[in-house]
Amino acid sequence: MYLKFNNGAESLWLPVNPERIGATSAGAYEDVPILNFGEYTVPSAPKTTTYTLSSFFPRDYNASYCNYIDLQRPWDIVKTLLRWQASGKPCRFIVTGTPINVAVTIRTFEYEERAGEPGDVYYTLELKEYAFISLPKKSDAPATKAAAITTSTARPSTKTAPATYTVKSGDTLSKIAARTLGSADKWRAIYDKNKAVIGANPNALKPGTKLVMPS
């Protein structure tokens, strides 16, 4: 699960997956009172979806629940999300393997430390789907008609992975996957393809090692 900001220039891969994602989508209807006739239900514009998720940012890596090794400090992640929220600009919420790849705004962000778990930060996020609105130029529509409003959802660009990659100093599999395959969670595909070269420990990368990249 990812949150990306500023057209992907900044990215947060959630280190621990939430147990569930709540999605609320209101029906596209409106109740209208009519004098002497009562209340009638009529169709209205489609409503946007709200996503709710809860998990935590761990201080220390644990292979049983962490998605990757290179963990950011939990309070640094909190500062980043607060900055994104305060900007008023949308983020992109992505859940790989699902149709969820939507622009959202951070409506609420609750976070706390708990007794007995120093350094871990527990959080709840409420994300509301964001509709991009574009108005046509004057020349695109007759002056007698109202300007049309269209919504669009931008998709992230795809990358072509190289056939091989030579390990550099400071590289990790997750960094290599993010740089070459566009997603850090594809590090395991690289490891599975190069177990014989890397060895039993996926963290033991040696500079100069030539890796065969998955297609």
C-alpha atoms as a PDB file:
ATOM      1  CA  MET A   1       0.000   0.000   0.000  1.00  0.00           C
ATOM      2  CA  TYR A   2       1.402   3.365  -1.027  1.00  0.00           C
ATOM      3  CA  LEU A   3       0.710   7.058  -0.637  1.00  0.00           C
ATOM      4  CA  LYS A   4       2.409   9.202  -3.266  1.00  0.00           C
ATOM      5  CA  PHE A   5       2.621  12.998  -3.280  1.00  0.00           C
ATOM      6  CA  ASN A   6       3.595  15.724  -5.749  1.00  0.00           C
ATOM      7  CA  ASN A   7       3.144  13.528  -8.851  1.00  0.00           C
ATOM      8  CA  GLY A   8       5.154  10.713  -7.291  1.00  0.00           C
ATOM      9  CA  ALA A   9       8.154  12.859  -6.295  1.00  0.00           C
ATOM     10  CA  GLU A  10       7.550  11.723  -2.699  1.00  0.00           C
ATOM     11  CA  SER A  11       6.357   8.250  -1.820  1.00  0.00           C
ATOM     12  CA  LEU A  12       5.400   6.420   1.375  1.00  0.00           C
ATOM     13  CA  TRP A  13       5.170   2.636   1.332  1.00  0.00           C
ATOM     14  CA  LEU A  14       3.172   1.655   4.418  1.00  0.00           C
ATOM     15  CA  PRO A  15       5.599  -0.502   6.424  1.00  0.00           C
ATOM     16  CA  VAL A  16       2.850  -2.642   8.007  1.00  0.00           C
ATOM     17  CA  ASN A  17      -0.312  -3.466   6.072  1.00  0.00           C
ATOM     18  CA  PRO A  18      -3.596  -2.591   7.835  1.00  0.00           C
ATOM     19  CA  GLU A  19      -5.754  -5.569   8.745  1.00  0.00           C
ATOM     20  CA  ARG A  20      -8.578  -4.051   6.714  1.00  0.00           C
ATOM     21  CA  ILE A  21      -9.463  -1.064   4.534  1.00  0.00           C
ATOM     22  CA  GLY A  22     -12.889   0.475   5.026  1.00  0.00           C
ATOM     23  CA  ALA A  23     -14.460   2.041   1.946  1.00  0.00           C
ATOM     24  CA  THR A  24     -17.622   4.157   2.163  1.00  0.00           C
ATOM     25  CA  SER A  25     -19.417   5.268  -0.996  1.00  0.00           C
ATOM     26  CA  ALA A  26     -22.692   7.181  -0.574  1.00  0.00           C
ATOM     27  CA  GLY A  27     -25.491   6.538  -3.030  1.00  0.00           C
ATOM     28  CA  ALA A  28     -25.947   9.068  -5.818  1.00  0.00           C
ATOM     29  CA  TYR A  29     -29.387  10.212  -4.654  1.00  0.00           C
ATOM     30  CA  GLU A  30     -30.899  13.271  -3.016  1.00  0.00           C
ATOM     31  CA  ASP A  31     -34.113  13.609  -1.032  1.00  0.00           C
ATOM     32  CA  VAL A  32     -36.122  16.649  -2.174  1.00  0.00           C
ATOM     33  CA  PRO A  33     -39.175  17.942  -0.230  1.00  0.00           C
ATOM     34  CA  ILE A  34     -42.043  19.101  -2.468  1.00  0.00           C
ATOM     35  CA  LEU A  35     -44.787  21.252  -1.022  1.00  0.00           C
ATOM     36  CA  ASN A  36     -48.079  19.336  -0.569  1.00  0.00           C
ATOM     37  CA  PHE A  37     -46.573  16.149  -2.021  1.00  0.00           C
ATOM     38  CA  GLY A  38     -43.994  15.084   0.587  1.00  0.00           C
ATOM     39  CA  GLU A  39     -40.396  13.988   0.050  1.00  0.00           C
ATOM     40  CA  TYR A  40     -39.158  12.490  -3.229  1.00  0.00           C
ATOM     41  CA  THR A  41     -35.837  10.823  -4.040  1.00  0.00           C
ATOM     42  CA  VAL A  42     -34.093  11.917  -7.225  1.00  0.00           C
ATOM     43  CA  PRO A  43     -30.725  10.950  -8.739  1.00  0.00           C
ATOM     44  CA  SER A  44     -27.824  13.355  -8.109  1.00  0.00           C
ATOM     45  CA  ALA A  45     -24.152  13.599  -9.004  1.00  0.00           C
ATOM     46  CA  PRO A  46     -22.074  10.514  -8.041  1.00  0.00           C
ATOM     47  CA  LYS A  47     -20.525  10.689  -4.581  1.00  0.00           C
ATOM     48  CA  THR A  48     -16.828  10.185  -3.908  1.00  0.00           C
ATOM     49  CA  THR A  49     -15.475   7.275  -1.854  1.00  0.00           C
ATOM     50  CA  THR A  50     -13.900   7.595   1.603  1.00  0.00           C
ATOM     51  CA  TYR A  51     -11.207   5.100   2.667  1.00  0.00           C
ATOM     52  CA  THR A  52     -10.328   4.390   6.307  1.00  0.00           C
ATOM     53  CA  LEU A  53      -7.313   2.386   7.457  1.00  0.00           C
ATOM     54  CA  SER A  54      -5.455   1.822  10.737  1.00  0.00           C
ATOM     55  CA  SER A  55      -2.021   0.344  11.406  1.00  0.00           C
ATOM     56  CA  PHE A  56       1.287   1.463  12.929  1.00  0.00           C
ATOM     57  CA  PHE A  57       4.732   2.721  11.976  1.00  0.00           C
ATOM     58  CA  PRO A  58       7.253   0.395  13.695  1.00  0.00           C
ATOM     59  CA  ARG A  59      10.493   1.667  15.143  1.00  0.00           C
ATOM     60  CA  ASP A  60      12.289  -1.656  14.549  1.00  0.00           C
ATOM     61  CA  TYR A  61      12.159  -4.120  11.668  1.00  0.00           C
ATOM     62  CA  ASN A  62      10.334  -7.405  12.255  1.00  0.00           C
ATOM     63  CA  ALA A  63      10.219  -9.889   9.380  1.00  0.00           C
ATOM     64  CA  SER A  64       6.867 -11.302  10.556  1.00  0.00           C
ATOM     65  CA  TYR A  65       4.912  -8.147   9.710  1.00  0.00           C
ATOM     66  CA  CYS A  66       7.133  -5.494   8.088  1.00  0.00           C
ATOM     67  CA  ASN A  67       6.939  -5.121   4.306  1.00  0.00           C
ATOM     68  CA  TYR A  68      10.543  -3.976   3.905  1.00  0.00           C
ATOM     69  CA  ILE A  69      13.794  -3.555   5.795  1.00  0.00           C
ATOM     70  CA  ASP A  70      14.741   0.124   5.321  1.00  0.00           C
ATOM     71  CA  LEU A  71      12.270   1.615   7.812  1.00  0.00           C
ATOM     72  CA  GLN A  72      11.922   5.363   8.231  1.00  0.00           C
ATOM     73  CA  ARG A  73      11.715   6.736  11.756  1.00  0.00           C
ATOM     74  CA  PRO A  74       8.011   6.722  12.760  1.00  0.00           C
ATOM     75  CA  TRP A  75       7.909  10.389  13.782  1.00  0.00           C
ATOM     76  CA  ASP A  76       9.541  11.391  10.484  1.00  0.00           C
ATOM     77  CA  ILE A  77       6.658   9.648   8.688  1.00  0.00           C
ATOM     78  CA  VAL A  78       4.167  11.515  10.900  1.00  0.00           C
ATOM     79  CA  LYS A  79       5.790  14.854   9.977  1.00  0.00           C
ATOM     80  CA  THR A  80       5.639  13.966   6.278  1.00  0.00           C
ATOM     81  CA  LEU A  81       1.926  13.070   6.386  1.00  0.00           C
ATOM     82  CA  LEU A  82       1.090  16.219   8.353  1.00  0.00           C
ATOM     83  CA  ARG A  83       2.923  18.281   5.727  1.00  0.00           C
ATOM     84  CA  TRP A  84       1.038  16.581   2.899  1.00  0.00           C
ATOM     85  CA  GLN A  85      -2.258  17.115   4.724  1.00  0.00           C
ATOM     86  CA  ALA A  86      -1.525  20.803   5.386  1.00  0.00           C
ATOM     87  CA  SER A  87      -0.634  21.418   1.729  1.00  0.00           C
ATOM     88  CA  GLY A  88      -4.252  20.917   0.651  1.00  0.00           C
ATOM     89  CA  LYS A  89      -3.021  19.025  -2.404  1.00  0.00           C
ATOM     90  CA  PRO A  90      -4.133  15.488  -3.272  1.00  0.00           C
ATOM     91  CA  CYS A  91      -2.037  12.353  -2.808  1.00  0.00           C
ATOM     92  CA  ARG A  92      -2.390   9.103  -4.716  1.00  0.00           C
ATOM     93  CA  PHE A  93      -3.516   6.039  -2.743  1.00  0.00           C
ATOM     94  CA  ILE A  94      -2.432   2.734  -4.280  1.00  0.00           C
ATOM     95  CA  VAL A  95      -3.169  -0.803  -3.124  1.00  0.00           C
ATOM     96  CA  THR A  96      -1.288  -3.156  -5.412  1.00  0.00           C
ATOM     97  CA  GLY A  97      -3.261  -6.140  -6.672  1.00  0.00           C
ATOM     98  CA  THR A  98      -6.570  -4.251  -6.358  1.00  0.00           C
ATOM     99  CA  PRO A  99      -8.404  -1.619  -8.462  1.00  0.00           C
ATOM    100  CA  ILE A 100      -7.580   1.004  -5.787  1.00  0.00           C
ATOM    101  CA  ASN A 101      -5.343   3.587  -7.483  1.00  0.00           C
ATOM    102  CA  VAL A 102      -7.021   6.919  -6.794  1.00  0.00           C
ATOM    103  CA  ALA A 103      -6.242  10.530  -5.982  1.00  0.00           C
ATOM    104  CA  VAL A 104      -7.237  11.360  -2.393  1.00  0.00           C
ATOM    105  CA  THR A 105      -6.981  14.089   0.205  1.00  0.00           C
ATOM    106  CA  ILE A 106      -6.000  13.325   3.810  1.00  0.00           C
ATOM    107  CA  ARG A 107      -9.138  14.297   5.725  1.00  0.00           C
ATOM    108  CA  THR A 108      -8.125  13.073   9.193  1.00  0.00           C
ATOM    109  CA  PHE A 109      -4.850  11.710  10.563  1.00  0.00           C
ATOM    110  CA  GLU A 110      -4.868  10.426  14.154  1.00  0.00           C
ATOM    111  CA  TYR A 111      -1.669   9.080  15.709  1.00  0.00           C
ATOM    112  CA  GLU A 112      -0.341   8.041  19.125  1.00  0.00           C
ATOM    113  CA  GLU A 113       2.374   6.187  21.005  1.00  0.00           C
ATOM    114  CA  ARG A 114       1.246   3.410  23.344  1.00  0.00           C
ATOM    115  CA  ALA A 115       2.589   2.290  26.708  1.00  0.00           C
ATOM    116  CA  GLY A 116       4.986  -0.629  26.472  1.00  0.00           C
ATOM    117  CA  GLU A 117       5.768  -0.028  22.790  1.00  0.00           C
ATOM    118  CA  PRO A 118       8.251   2.888  22.804  1.00  0.00           C
ATOM    119  CA  GLY A 119       9.017   4.361  19.411  1.00  0.00           C
ATOM    120  CA  ASP A 120       6.101   2.730  17.561  1.00  0.00           C
ATOM    121  CA  VAL A 121       3.413   5.136  16.335  1.00  0.00           C
ATOM    122  CA  TYR A 122      -0.145   3.879  15.827  1.00  0.00           C
ATOM    123  CA  TYR A 123      -2.350   5.771  13.386  1.00  0.00           C
ATOM    124  CA  THR A 124      -5.723   6.000  11.663  1.00  0.00           C
ATOM    125  CA  LEU A 125      -6.076   7.665   8.254  1.00  0.00           C
ATOM    126  CA  GLU A 126      -9.262   8.851   6.565  1.00  0.00           C
ATOM    127  CA  LEU A 127      -8.727   9.470   2.847  1.00  0.00           C
ATOM    128  CA  LYS A 128     -11.386  10.999   0.604  1.00  0.00           C
ATOM    129  CA  GLU A 129     -11.349  10.475  -3.144  1.00  0.00           C
ATOM    130  CA  TYR A 130     -10.398  13.608  -5.070  1.00  0.00           C
ATOM    131  CA  ALA A 131     -11.971  14.531  -8.425  1.00  0.00           C
ATOM    132  CA  PHE A 132      -9.830  16.558 -10.826  1.00  0.00           C
ATOM    133  CA  ILE A 133     -11.910  19.285 -12.502  1.00  0.00           C
ATOM    134  CA  SER A 134     -10.960  20.883 -15.794  1.00  0.00           C
ATOM    135  CA  LEU A 135     -12.911  23.610 -17.572  1.00  0.00           C
ATOM    136  CA  PRO A 136     -12.734  23.908 -21.388  1.00  0.00           C
ATOM    137  CA  LYS A 137     -11.418  27.050 -23.036  1.00  0.00           C
ATOM    138  CA  LYS A 138     -13.927  29.557 -24.416  1.00  0.00           C
ATOM    139  CA  SER A 139     -13.232  28.379 -27.949  1.00  0.00           C
ATOM    140  CA  ASP A 140     -14.050  24.777 -26.963  1.00  0.00           C
ATOM    141  CA  ALA A 141     -17.705  25.422 -26.074  1.00  0.00           C
ATOM    142  CA  PRO A 142     -20.518  27.661 -27.385  1.00  0.00           C
ATOM    143  CA  ALA A 143     -20.972  30.867 -25.377  1.00  0.00           C
ATOM    144  CA  THR A 144     -24.667  30.060 -24.805  1.00  0.00           C
ATOM    145  CA  LYS A 145     -23.947  26.784 -23.024  1.00  0.00           C
ATOM    146  CA  ALA A 146     -22.544  26.192 -19.562  1.00  0.00           C
ATOM    147  CA  ALA A 147     -18.963  24.980 -19.420  1.00  0.00           C
ATOM    148  CA  ALA A 148     -18.715  21.212 -19.152  1.00  0.00           C
ATOM    149  CA  ILE A 149     -17.001  19.723 -16.112  1.00  0.00           C
ATOM    150  CA  THR A 150     -14.978  16.571 -16.573  1.00  0.00           C
ATOM    151  CA  THR A 151     -13.205  14.405 -14.073  1.00  0.00           C
ATOM    152  CA  SER A 152     -10.093  12.408 -14.757  1.00  0.00           C
ATOM    153  CA  THR A 153      -7.788  10.199 -12.771  1.00  0.00           C
ATOM    154  CA  ALA A 154      -4.138  10.386 -13.750  1.00  0.00           C
ATOM    155  CA  ARG A 155      -2.302   7.057 -13.882  1.00  0.00           C
ATOM    156  CA  PRO A 156       1.305   6.661 -12.880  1.00  0.00           C
ATOM    157  CA  SER A 157       3.772   6.210 -15.708  1.00  0.00           C
ATOM    158  CA  THR A 158       5.181   2.727 -16.297  1.00  0.00           C
ATOM    159  CA  LYS A 159       8.869   1.928 -16.409  1.00  0.00           C
ATOM    160  CA  THR A 160      10.730  -0.585 -18.560  1.00  0.00           C
ATOM    161  CA  ALA A 161      12.992  -2.678 -16.344  1.00  0.00           C
ATOM    162  CA  PRO A 162      16.598  -3.255 -17.480  1.00  0.00           C
ATOM    163  CA  ALA A 163      17.686  -6.813 -18.241  1.00  0.00           C
ATOM    164  CA  THR A 164      20.489  -6.664 -15.662  1.00  0.00           C
ATOM    165  CA  TYR A 165      21.583  -4.421 -12.808  1.00  0.00           C
ATOM    166  CA  THR A 166      24.985  -4.027 -11.159  1.00  0.00           C
ATOM    167  CA  VAL A 167      24.807  -3.510  -7.389  1.00  0.00           C
ATOM    168  CA  LYS A 168      26.229  -0.209  -6.120  1.00  0.00           C
ATOM    169  CA  SER A 169      27.405   0.722  -2.643  1.00  0.00           C
ATOM    170  CA  GLY A 170      24.440   1.417  -0.354  1.00  0.00           C
ATOM    171  CA  ASP A 171      21.961  -0.506  -2.530  1.00  0.00           C
ATOM    172  CA  THR A 172      19.259  -2.723  -1.050  1.00  0.00           C
ATOM    173  CA  LEU A 173      16.843  -4.936  -2.937  1.00  0.00           C
ATOM    174  CA  SER A 174      13.926  -2.650  -2.102  1.00  0.00           C
ATOM    175  CA  LYS A 175      15.836   0.406  -3.383  1.00  0.00           C
ATOM    176  CA  ILE A 176      16.781  -1.420  -6.586  1.00  0.00           C
ATOM    177  CA  ALA A 177      13.173  -2.565  -7.097  1.00  0.00           C
ATOM    178  CA  ALA A 178      11.824   0.965  -6.588  1.00  0.00           C
ATOM    179  CA  ARG A 179      14.405   2.447  -8.976  1.00  0.00           C
ATOM    180  CA  THR A 180      14.161  -0.121 -11.786  1.00  0.00           C
ATOM    181  CA  LEU A 181      10.721  -1.723 -11.450  1.00  0.00           C
ATOM    182  CA  GLY A 182       8.768   1.254 -10.108  1.00  0.00           C
ATOM    183  CA  SER A 183       7.735  -0.464  -6.874  1.00  0.00           C
ATOM    184  CA  ALA A 184       9.872  -1.325  -3.842  1.00  0.00           C
ATOM    185  CA  ASP A 185       7.617  -4.272  -2.958  1.00  0.00           C
ATOM    186  CA  LYS A 186       8.960  -6.148  -6.021  1.00  0.00           C
ATOM    187  CA  TRP A 187      12.274  -6.752  -4.230  1.00  0.00           C
ATOM    188  CA  ARG A 188      11.353 -10.403  -3.649  1.00  0.00           C
ATOM    189  CA  ALA A 189      11.011 -11.021  -7.398  1.00  0.00           C
ATOM    190  CA  ILE A 190      14.600  -9.804  -7.817  1.00  0.00           C
ATOM    191  CA  TYR A 191      15.769 -11.971  -4.923  1.00  0.00           C
ATOM    192  CA  ASP A 192      14.002 -15.097  -6.228  1.00  0.00           C
ATOM    193  CA  LYS A 193      15.701 -14.603  -9.604  1.00  0.00           C
ATOM    194  CA  ASN A 194      19.177 -14.165  -8.047  1.00  0.00           C
ATOM    195  CA  LYS A 195      19.247 -16.420  -4.960  1.00  0.00           C
ATOM    196  CA  ALA A 196      22.252 -18.314  -6.264  1.00  0.00           C
ATOM    197  CA  VAL A 197      24.222 -15.050  -6.577  1.00  0.00           C
ATOM    198  CA  ILE A 198      22.992 -13.250  -3.433  1.00  0.00           C
ATOM    199  CA  GLY A 199      22.875 -16.207  -1.056  1.00  0.00           C
ATOM    200  CA  ALA A 200      20.531 -17.023   1.819  1.00  0.00           C
ATOM    201  CA  ASN A 201      20.503 -13.464   3.222  1.00  0.00           C
ATOM    202  CA  PRO A 202      18.711 -10.962   0.931  1.00  0.00           C
ATOM    203  CA  ASN A 203      20.360  -8.114   2.863  1.00  0.00           C
ATOM    204  CA  ALA A 204      23.893  -9.294   2.033  1.00  0.00           C
ATOM    205  CA  LEU A 205      24.308  -7.427  -1.254  1.00  0.00           C
ATOM    206  CA  LYS A 206      27.856  -6.933  -2.468  1.00  0.00           C
ATOM    207  CA  PRO A 207      28.763  -3.957  -4.688  1.00  0.00           C
ATOM    208  CA  GLY A 208      29.651  -5.095  -8.191  1.00  0.00           C
ATOM    209  CA  THR A 209      27.279  -8.100  -8.136  1.00  0.00           C
ATOM    210  CA  LYS A 210      25.429  -8.401 -11.443  1.00  0.00           C
ATOM    211  CA  LEU A 211      21.732  -9.175 -10.979  1.00  0.00           C
ATOM    212  CA  VAL A 212      19.345 -10.564 -13.584  1.00  0.00           C
ATOM    213  CA  MET A 213      16.176  -8.467 -13.437  1.00  0.00           C
ATOM    214  CA  PRO A 214      12.672  -9.981 -13.664  1.00  0.00           C
ATOM    215  CA  SER A 215      10.708  -9.116 -16.781  1.00  0.00           C
END
